[in-house]
């Protein structure tokens, strides 16, 4: 069943990438807490890597924004392996405010902890981005994530860069 869901998601993504109307972006972000403060409760020091790589495939532009699909990969340098793969969809308001874009997205994915077969995970993001150069934006992101591997919800604050590829 997991394989069928993954194949269906990949088919949908390949269809959307061929039919993307305007932009494809590459987003790279880091969990702010783990980078700047660590997590003393779990014994992760300052500078712990928790990096997400996401590609947003923009659909048609509407009056105030656009719908997108986004595959995502996350890796955290924890004591035991933490890798998350997800597929997300959302809406970006890019014409409502002059200097900022506001994005809301939801997604579903799998968390792999040390090759244990994976845990289902769903979540949502609220993102605020600002252009700094043509085709480059910086952003802050609040991520609400159901962590199937530890049976709880987590809120993470991330920051990163978004680069237009197409």
N, C-alpha and C. Protein backbone atom coordinates (compact mmCIF):
# COMPACT_ATOMS: atom_id res chain seq x y z
N UNK A 1 0.81 -1.19 0.00
CA UNK A 1 0.00 0.00 0.00
C UNK A 1 0.86 1.26 0.00
N UNK A 2 1.96 1.25 0.79
CA UNK A 2 2.87 2.40 0.82
C UNK A 2 3.46 2.64 -0.56
N UNK A 3 3.81 1.57 -1.25
CA UNK A 3 4.39 1.69 -2.58
C UNK A 3 3.38 2.30 -3.55
N UNK A 4 2.12 1.89 -3.47
CA UNK A 4 1.09 2.44 -4.33
C UNK A 4 0.90 3.94 -4.09
N UNK A 5 0.90 4.36 -2.82
CA UNK A 5 0.77 5.78 -2.49
C UNK A 5 1.96 6.56 -3.04
N UNK A 6 3.16 6.03 -2.89
CA UNK A 6 4.36 6.70 -3.38
C UNK A 6 4.33 6.82 -4.90
N UNK A 7 3.97 5.75 -5.59
CA UNK A 7 3.90 5.79 -7.06
C UNK A 7 2.84 6.78 -7.53
N UNK A 8 1.71 6.83 -6.85
CA UNK A 8 0.65 7.78 -7.20
C UNK A 8 1.14 9.22 -7.02
N UNK A 9 1.82 9.48 -5.91
CA UNK A 9 2.36 10.82 -5.66
C UNK A 9 3.40 11.20 -6.71
N UNK A 10 4.28 10.29 -7.06
CA UNK A 10 5.30 10.58 -8.07
C UNK A 10 4.67 10.84 -9.44
N UNK A 11 3.63 10.09 -9.80
CA UNK A 11 2.93 10.31 -11.06
C UNK A 11 2.31 11.70 -11.08
N UNK A 12 1.64 12.08 -9.98
CA UNK A 12 1.02 13.40 -9.89
C UNK A 12 2.08 14.50 -10.00
N UNK A 13 3.20 14.32 -9.31
CA UNK A 13 4.27 15.32 -9.37
C UNK A 13 4.85 15.45 -10.77
N UNK A 14 5.07 14.34 -11.45
CA UNK A 14 5.64 14.41 -12.79
C UNK A 14 4.67 15.09 -13.74
N UNK A 15 3.37 14.83 -13.59
CA UNK A 15 2.36 15.50 -14.41
C UNK A 15 2.37 17.00 -14.14
N UNK A 16 2.42 17.38 -12.85
CA UNK A 16 2.39 18.80 -12.52
C UNK A 16 3.65 19.51 -12.97
N UNK A 17 4.81 18.84 -12.92
CA UNK A 17 6.05 19.49 -13.33
C UNK A 17 6.04 19.79 -14.82
N UNK A 18 5.45 18.92 -15.62
CA UNK A 18 5.35 19.14 -17.05
C UNK A 18 4.38 20.29 -17.34
N UNK A 19 3.34 20.42 -16.50
CA UNK A 19 2.32 21.42 -16.73
C UNK A 19 2.48 22.68 -15.87
N UNK A 20 3.60 22.85 -15.20
CA UNK A 20 3.83 24.05 -14.40
C UNK A 20 3.77 25.26 -15.32
N UNK A 21 3.06 26.29 -14.90
CA UNK A 21 2.81 27.43 -15.76
C UNK A 21 3.89 28.50 -15.70
N UNK A 22 4.51 28.68 -14.55
CA UNK A 22 5.36 29.84 -14.43
C UNK A 22 6.74 29.53 -13.85
N UNK A 23 6.79 29.14 -12.59
CA UNK A 23 8.08 28.97 -11.93
C UNK A 23 8.22 27.61 -11.26
N UNK A 24 9.45 27.18 -11.17
CA UNK A 24 9.85 26.07 -10.34
C UNK A 24 10.93 26.63 -9.43
N UNK A 25 10.78 26.44 -8.12
CA UNK A 25 11.76 26.97 -7.19
C UNK A 25 12.46 25.85 -6.44
N UNK A 26 13.63 26.16 -5.93
CA UNK A 26 14.36 25.30 -5.01
C UNK A 26 14.44 26.05 -3.69
N UNK A 27 13.91 25.43 -2.64
CA UNK A 27 13.93 26.03 -1.30
C UNK A 27 14.84 25.21 -0.42
N UNK A 28 15.74 25.87 0.28
CA UNK A 28 16.62 25.20 1.24
C UNK A 28 16.45 25.92 2.57
N UNK A 29 16.15 25.14 3.63
CA UNK A 29 15.93 25.76 4.94
C UNK A 29 16.60 24.96 6.04
N UNK A 30 16.76 25.62 7.19
CA UNK A 30 17.39 25.04 8.37
C UNK A 30 16.50 25.33 9.58
N UNK A 31 16.35 24.37 10.47
CA UNK A 31 15.63 24.58 11.72
C UNK A 31 16.41 25.57 12.58
N UNK A 32 15.79 26.69 12.93
CA UNK A 32 16.47 27.76 13.66
C UNK A 32 16.88 27.34 15.07
N UNK A 33 16.00 26.64 15.79
CA UNK A 33 16.31 26.26 17.16
C UNK A 33 17.53 25.35 17.23
N UNK A 34 17.57 24.33 16.36
CA UNK A 34 18.71 23.42 16.40
C UNK A 34 20.00 24.10 15.99
N UNK A 35 19.93 25.06 15.08
CA UNK A 35 21.14 25.77 14.65
C UNK A 35 21.66 26.71 15.73
N UNK A 36 20.77 27.52 16.31
CA UNK A 36 21.21 28.58 17.21
C UNK A 36 21.21 28.22 18.69
N UNK A 37 20.40 27.22 19.09
CA UNK A 37 20.30 26.88 20.52
C UNK A 37 20.51 25.40 20.82
N UNK A 38 20.36 24.55 19.81
CA UNK A 38 20.43 23.11 20.06
C UNK A 38 19.17 22.66 20.79
N UNK A 39 19.24 21.49 21.40
CA UNK A 39 18.13 20.95 22.18
C UNK A 39 18.73 20.21 23.37
N UNK A 40 18.89 20.92 24.49
CA UNK A 40 19.55 20.32 25.66
C UNK A 40 18.74 19.15 26.23
N UNK A 41 17.41 19.18 26.08
CA UNK A 41 16.56 18.10 26.59
C UNK A 41 16.90 16.77 25.90
N UNK A 42 17.25 16.83 24.63
CA UNK A 42 17.57 15.62 23.87
C UNK A 42 19.07 15.50 23.61
N UNK A 43 19.85 16.41 24.18
CA UNK A 43 21.30 16.41 24.08
C UNK A 43 21.82 16.63 22.66
N UNK A 44 21.20 17.57 21.94
CA UNK A 44 21.69 17.99 20.63
C UNK A 44 22.29 19.38 20.78
N UNK A 45 23.55 19.50 20.42
CA UNK A 45 24.26 20.74 20.63
C UNK A 45 23.94 21.83 19.63
N UNK A 46 24.40 23.00 19.95
CA UNK A 46 24.32 24.17 19.09
C UNK A 46 24.88 23.82 17.71
N UNK A 47 24.20 24.20 16.67
CA UNK A 47 24.67 23.95 15.31
C UNK A 47 24.23 22.63 14.72
N UNK A 48 23.29 21.93 15.36
CA UNK A 48 22.80 20.65 14.82
C UNK A 48 22.10 20.89 13.49
N UNK A 49 22.50 20.17 12.47
CA UNK A 49 21.90 20.32 11.14
C UNK A 49 20.52 19.67 11.08
N UNK A 50 19.55 20.41 10.57
CA UNK A 50 18.22 19.90 10.25
C UNK A 50 17.80 20.66 9.00
N UNK A 51 18.14 20.10 7.86
CA UNK A 51 18.01 20.79 6.57
C UNK A 51 16.88 20.20 5.75
N UNK A 52 16.05 21.08 5.21
CA UNK A 52 14.97 20.68 4.31
C UNK A 52 15.25 21.23 2.91
N UNK A 53 15.02 20.38 1.92
CA UNK A 53 15.14 20.77 0.52
C UNK A 53 13.80 20.51 -0.12
N UNK A 54 13.25 21.54 -0.73
CA UNK A 54 11.88 21.48 -1.28
C UNK A 54 11.88 22.16 -2.63
N UNK A 55 11.10 21.63 -3.54
CA UNK A 55 10.93 22.26 -4.84
C UNK A 55 9.45 22.58 -5.02
N UNK A 56 9.14 23.85 -5.27
CA UNK A 56 7.74 24.25 -5.48
C UNK A 56 7.49 24.38 -6.98
N UNK A 57 6.45 23.69 -7.44
CA UNK A 57 6.05 23.73 -8.85
C UNK A 57 4.76 24.52 -8.95
N UNK A 58 4.90 25.75 -9.43
CA UNK A 58 3.80 26.69 -9.45
C UNK A 58 2.82 26.39 -10.56
N UNK A 59 1.52 26.47 -10.23
CA UNK A 59 0.46 26.35 -11.22
C UNK A 59 0.13 27.71 -11.80
N UNK A 60 -1.03 27.85 -12.37
CA UNK A 60 -1.45 29.10 -13.00
C UNK A 60 -1.54 30.24 -11.99
N UNK A 61 -1.16 31.41 -12.43
CA UNK A 61 -1.27 32.62 -11.61
C UNK A 61 -2.72 33.09 -11.61
N UNK A 62 -3.26 33.34 -10.42
CA UNK A 62 -4.60 33.92 -10.28
C UNK A 62 -4.44 35.39 -9.89
N UNK A 63 -5.53 36.04 -9.58
CA UNK A 63 -5.49 37.47 -9.29
C UNK A 63 -4.49 37.80 -8.18
N UNK A 64 -4.52 37.04 -7.06
CA UNK A 64 -3.66 37.35 -5.93
C UNK A 64 -2.59 36.30 -5.63
N UNK A 65 -2.63 35.17 -6.32
CA UNK A 65 -1.65 34.14 -6.00
C UNK A 65 -1.75 32.93 -6.88
N UNK A 66 -1.12 31.85 -6.46
CA UNK A 66 -1.08 30.62 -7.25
C UNK A 66 -1.07 29.39 -6.35
N UNK A 67 -1.52 28.28 -6.91
CA UNK A 67 -1.47 26.98 -6.26
C UNK A 67 -0.17 26.31 -6.66
N UNK A 68 0.38 25.47 -5.78
CA UNK A 68 1.61 24.76 -6.11
C UNK A 68 1.61 23.36 -5.51
N UNK A 69 2.48 22.53 -6.04
CA UNK A 69 2.80 21.22 -5.47
C UNK A 69 4.29 21.25 -5.14
N UNK A 70 4.68 20.52 -4.08
CA UNK A 70 6.07 20.60 -3.65
C UNK A 70 6.55 19.29 -3.02
N UNK A 71 7.42 18.56 -3.69
CA UNK A 71 8.08 17.43 -3.01
C UNK A 71 9.14 18.00 -2.06
N UNK A 72 9.38 17.29 -0.97
CA UNK A 72 10.32 17.79 0.04
C UNK A 72 11.12 16.64 0.63
N UNK A 73 12.36 16.95 0.96
CA UNK A 73 13.26 16.00 1.62
C UNK A 73 13.87 16.72 2.82
N UNK A 74 13.87 16.05 3.98
CA UNK A 74 14.47 16.64 5.18
C UNK A 74 15.44 15.64 5.79
N UNK A 75 16.58 16.16 6.22
CA UNK A 75 17.58 15.34 6.91
C UNK A 75 18.00 16.08 8.18
N UNK A 76 17.98 15.37 9.31
CA UNK A 76 18.46 15.93 10.57
C UNK A 76 19.58 15.05 11.10
N UNK A 77 20.65 15.69 11.55
CA UNK A 77 21.82 15.00 12.07
C UNK A 77 21.60 14.67 13.55
N UNK A 78 20.74 13.69 13.78
CA UNK A 78 20.38 13.28 15.14
C UNK A 78 21.11 12.00 15.52
N UNK A 79 20.93 11.56 16.75
CA UNK A 79 21.62 10.34 17.21
C UNK A 79 21.25 9.13 16.38
N UNK A 80 19.98 9.02 16.02
CA UNK A 80 19.58 7.98 15.10
C UNK A 80 19.10 8.67 13.83
N UNK A 81 19.23 8.00 12.72
CA UNK A 81 18.89 8.57 11.42
C UNK A 81 17.50 9.21 11.44
N UNK A 82 17.39 10.41 10.88
CA UNK A 82 16.08 11.07 10.69
C UNK A 82 16.02 11.61 9.27
N UNK A 83 15.18 10.99 8.47
CA UNK A 83 14.96 11.42 7.09
C UNK A 83 13.45 11.46 6.88
N UNK A 84 12.97 12.55 6.28
CA UNK A 84 11.54 12.67 5.99
C UNK A 84 11.36 13.04 4.52
N UNK A 85 10.47 12.30 3.86
CA UNK A 85 10.09 12.56 2.48
C UNK A 85 8.62 12.96 2.51
N UNK A 86 8.25 14.03 1.79
CA UNK A 86 6.84 14.41 1.80
C UNK A 86 6.43 15.05 0.48
N UNK A 87 5.13 15.06 0.27
CA UNK A 87 4.53 15.75 -0.86
C UNK A 87 3.57 16.77 -0.26
N UNK A 88 3.64 18.01 -0.75
CA UNK A 88 2.88 19.10 -0.18
C UNK A 88 2.14 19.85 -1.28
N UNK A 89 1.08 20.52 -0.89
CA UNK A 89 0.36 21.40 -1.80
C UNK A 89 -0.05 22.63 -1.01
N UNK A 90 -0.16 23.75 -1.72
CA UNK A 90 -0.50 24.97 -1.01
C UNK A 90 -0.88 26.10 -1.93
N UNK A 91 -1.03 27.28 -1.32
CA UNK A 91 -1.39 28.48 -2.05
C UNK A 91 -0.49 29.61 -1.57
N UNK A 92 0.07 30.36 -2.52
CA UNK A 92 0.91 31.50 -2.21
C UNK A 92 0.23 32.79 -2.67
N UNK A 93 0.08 33.71 -1.74
CA UNK A 93 -0.39 35.05 -2.06
C UNK A 93 0.83 35.88 -2.45
N UNK A 94 1.02 36.12 -3.75
CA UNK A 94 2.20 36.85 -4.20
C UNK A 94 1.87 38.20 -4.81
N UNK A 95 0.59 38.56 -4.85
CA UNK A 95 0.20 39.86 -5.42
C UNK A 95 -0.69 40.66 -4.49
N UNK A 96 -0.79 40.24 -3.25
CA UNK A 96 -1.62 40.96 -2.29
C UNK A 96 -0.80 42.04 -1.59
N UNK A 97 0.44 41.73 -1.26
CA UNK A 97 1.35 42.68 -0.61
C UNK A 97 2.53 42.92 -1.54
N UNK A 98 2.98 44.15 -1.62
CA UNK A 98 4.02 44.52 -2.59
C UNK A 98 5.35 43.79 -2.39
N UNK A 99 5.84 43.78 -1.16
CA UNK A 99 7.19 43.27 -0.91
C UNK A 99 7.27 41.90 -0.25
N UNK A 100 6.12 41.25 -0.04
CA UNK A 100 6.12 39.97 0.66
C UNK A 100 5.19 38.97 -0.01
N UNK A 101 5.54 37.69 0.11
CA UNK A 101 4.67 36.59 -0.29
C UNK A 101 4.29 35.84 0.97
N UNK A 102 3.04 35.40 1.04
CA UNK A 102 2.56 34.62 2.18
C UNK A 102 2.06 33.28 1.65
N UNK A 103 2.55 32.19 2.22
CA UNK A 103 2.24 30.84 1.74
C UNK A 103 1.64 29.99 2.86
N UNK A 104 0.62 29.24 2.50
CA UNK A 104 0.02 28.24 3.38
C UNK A 104 0.08 26.91 2.64
N UNK A 105 0.57 25.86 3.31
CA UNK A 105 0.64 24.55 2.65
C UNK A 105 0.36 23.43 3.64
N UNK A 106 -0.05 22.29 3.10
CA UNK A 106 -0.26 21.07 3.87
C UNK A 106 0.41 19.92 3.12
N UNK A 107 0.74 18.87 3.86
CA UNK A 107 1.39 17.76 3.19
C UNK A 107 1.34 16.48 3.98
N UNK A 108 1.74 15.40 3.31
CA UNK A 108 1.82 14.08 3.92
C UNK A 108 3.14 13.45 3.50
N UNK A 109 3.75 12.72 4.41
CA UNK A 109 5.01 12.08 4.08
C UNK A 109 5.34 10.91 4.98
N UNK A 110 6.58 10.47 4.87
CA UNK A 110 7.09 9.34 5.65
C UNK A 110 8.38 9.77 6.34
N UNK A 111 8.50 9.36 7.60
CA UNK A 111 9.72 9.58 8.37
C UNK A 111 10.43 8.25 8.49
N UNK A 112 11.71 8.24 8.15
CA UNK A 112 12.53 7.03 8.27
C UNK A 112 13.52 7.24 9.41
N UNK A 113 13.44 6.40 10.43
CA UNK A 113 14.37 6.45 11.55
C UNK A 113 15.20 5.18 11.53
N UNK A 114 16.43 5.27 11.12
CA UNK A 114 17.38 4.16 11.15
C UNK A 114 16.90 2.93 10.39
N UNK A 115 16.26 3.15 9.24
CA UNK A 115 15.85 2.05 8.40
C UNK A 115 14.73 1.20 8.97
N UNK A 116 13.88 1.77 9.82
CA UNK A 116 12.84 1.00 10.49
C UNK A 116 11.55 0.84 9.68
N UNK A 117 11.53 1.25 8.43
CA UNK A 117 10.36 1.05 7.60
C UNK A 117 9.49 2.27 7.43
N UNK A 118 9.63 3.23 8.30
CA UNK A 118 8.92 4.49 8.11
C UNK A 118 7.68 4.67 8.94
N UNK A 119 7.39 5.91 9.22
CA UNK A 119 6.22 6.33 9.97
C UNK A 119 5.49 7.40 9.17
N UNK A 120 4.18 7.31 9.10
CA UNK A 120 3.40 8.33 8.43
C UNK A 120 3.51 9.65 9.16
N UNK A 121 3.42 10.74 8.42
CA UNK A 121 3.56 12.06 9.01
C UNK A 121 2.78 13.06 8.17
N UNK A 122 2.01 13.92 8.80
CA UNK A 122 1.34 14.98 8.07
C UNK A 122 1.60 16.30 8.77
N UNK A 123 1.45 17.39 8.03
CA UNK A 123 1.74 18.67 8.64
C UNK A 123 1.30 19.83 7.79
N UNK A 124 1.65 21.00 8.24
CA UNK A 124 1.32 22.22 7.53
C UNK A 124 2.40 23.27 7.76
N UNK A 125 2.45 24.23 6.87
CA UNK A 125 3.43 25.30 6.95
C UNK A 125 2.77 26.65 6.71
N UNK A 126 3.29 27.65 7.41
CA UNK A 126 2.97 29.04 7.15
C UNK A 126 4.31 29.71 6.86
N UNK A 127 4.40 30.37 5.71
CA UNK A 127 5.69 30.92 5.29
C UNK A 127 5.53 32.37 4.85
N UNK A 128 6.49 33.19 5.22
CA UNK A 128 6.56 34.58 4.78
C UNK A 128 7.89 34.77 4.08
N UNK A 129 7.85 35.22 2.83
CA UNK A 129 9.09 35.40 2.08
C UNK A 129 9.19 36.81 1.53
N UNK A 130 10.42 37.24 1.30
CA UNK A 130 10.71 38.57 0.80
C UNK A 130 11.79 38.47 -0.27
N UNK A 131 11.57 39.08 -1.45
CA UNK A 131 12.61 39.09 -2.48
C UNK A 131 13.82 39.90 -2.02
N UNK A 132 15.02 39.38 -2.30
CA UNK A 132 16.24 40.15 -2.03
C UNK A 132 17.00 40.46 -3.31
N UNK A 133 16.85 39.62 -4.32
CA UNK A 133 17.40 39.83 -5.66
C UNK A 133 16.38 39.28 -6.64
N UNK A 134 16.56 39.55 -7.90
CA UNK A 134 15.68 38.98 -8.91
C UNK A 134 15.82 37.45 -8.87
N UNK A 135 14.71 36.76 -8.63
CA UNK A 135 14.69 35.30 -8.60
C UNK A 135 15.16 34.68 -7.30
N UNK A 136 15.46 35.50 -6.27
CA UNK A 136 15.93 34.96 -4.98
C UNK A 136 15.13 35.62 -3.86
N UNK A 137 14.61 34.79 -2.95
CA UNK A 137 13.86 35.27 -1.79
C UNK A 137 14.41 34.62 -0.54
N UNK A 138 14.30 35.32 0.57
CA UNK A 138 14.58 34.73 1.88
C UNK A 138 13.23 34.51 2.56
N UNK A 139 13.17 33.52 3.46
CA UNK A 139 11.88 33.24 4.10
C UNK A 139 12.05 32.75 5.52
N UNK A 140 10.96 32.91 6.28
CA UNK A 140 10.80 32.28 7.58
C UNK A 140 9.58 31.38 7.46
N UNK A 141 9.61 30.27 8.18
CA UNK A 141 8.59 29.24 8.01
C UNK A 141 8.24 28.64 9.37
N UNK A 142 6.95 28.60 9.68
CA UNK A 142 6.47 27.89 10.86
C UNK A 142 5.90 26.56 10.38
N UNK A 143 6.47 25.46 10.85
CA UNK A 143 6.05 24.14 10.41
C UNK A 143 5.40 23.40 11.58
N UNK A 144 4.17 22.94 11.36
CA UNK A 144 3.44 22.11 12.32
C UNK A 144 3.49 20.69 11.78
N UNK A 145 4.10 19.77 12.53
CA UNK A 145 4.32 18.43 12.00
C UNK A 145 3.89 17.37 12.98
N UNK A 146 3.06 16.44 12.51
CA UNK A 146 2.70 15.26 13.29
C UNK A 146 3.84 14.28 13.12
N UNK A 147 4.50 13.96 14.22
CA UNK A 147 5.65 13.07 14.18
C UNK A 147 5.21 11.66 14.54
N UNK A 148 4.96 10.84 13.53
CA UNK A 148 4.53 9.47 13.75
C UNK A 148 5.57 8.62 14.46
N UNK A 149 6.84 9.02 14.37
CA UNK A 149 7.90 8.24 15.00
C UNK A 149 7.93 8.42 16.52
N UNK A 150 7.39 9.54 17.02
CA UNK A 150 7.38 9.76 18.47
C UNK A 150 5.98 10.10 18.99
N UNK A 151 4.96 9.89 18.15
CA UNK A 151 3.55 10.06 18.52
C UNK A 151 3.24 11.41 19.16
N UNK A 152 3.65 12.48 18.50
CA UNK A 152 3.36 13.82 19.01
C UNK A 152 3.39 14.84 17.87
N UNK A 153 2.91 16.03 18.14
CA UNK A 153 3.02 17.14 17.19
C UNK A 153 4.20 18.01 17.59
N UNK A 154 4.85 18.60 16.60
CA UNK A 154 5.98 19.51 16.84
C UNK A 154 5.76 20.78 16.04
N UNK A 155 6.23 21.88 16.59
CA UNK A 155 6.27 23.15 15.89
C UNK A 155 7.73 23.50 15.72
N UNK A 156 8.12 23.78 14.48
CA UNK A 156 9.49 24.16 14.18
C UNK A 156 9.51 25.51 13.49
N UNK A 157 10.47 26.31 13.83
CA UNK A 157 10.71 27.57 13.12
C UNK A 157 11.90 27.39 12.21
N UNK A 158 11.72 27.68 10.94
CA UNK A 158 12.80 27.51 9.97
C UNK A 158 13.06 28.82 9.25
N UNK A 159 14.23 28.92 8.66
CA UNK A 159 14.55 30.06 7.80
C UNK A 159 15.32 29.51 6.61
N UNK A 160 15.25 30.23 5.49
CA UNK A 160 15.96 29.72 4.32
C UNK A 160 15.93 30.65 3.14
N UNK A 161 16.29 30.06 2.01
CA UNK A 161 16.36 30.80 0.75
C UNK A 161 15.56 30.04 -0.30
N UNK A 162 14.90 30.81 -1.17
CA UNK A 162 14.07 30.25 -2.26
C UNK A 162 14.62 30.82 -3.56
N UNK A 163 15.00 29.93 -4.48
CA UNK A 163 15.62 30.35 -5.74
C UNK A 163 14.76 29.87 -6.91
N UNK A 164 14.42 30.80 -7.81
CA UNK A 164 13.68 30.42 -9.02
C UNK A 164 14.62 29.66 -9.96
N UNK A 165 14.22 28.46 -10.36
CA UNK A 165 15.00 27.67 -11.31
C UNK A 165 14.48 27.88 -12.74
N UNK A 166 13.17 28.05 -12.85
CA UNK A 166 12.54 28.27 -14.16
C UNK A 166 11.60 29.44 -14.04
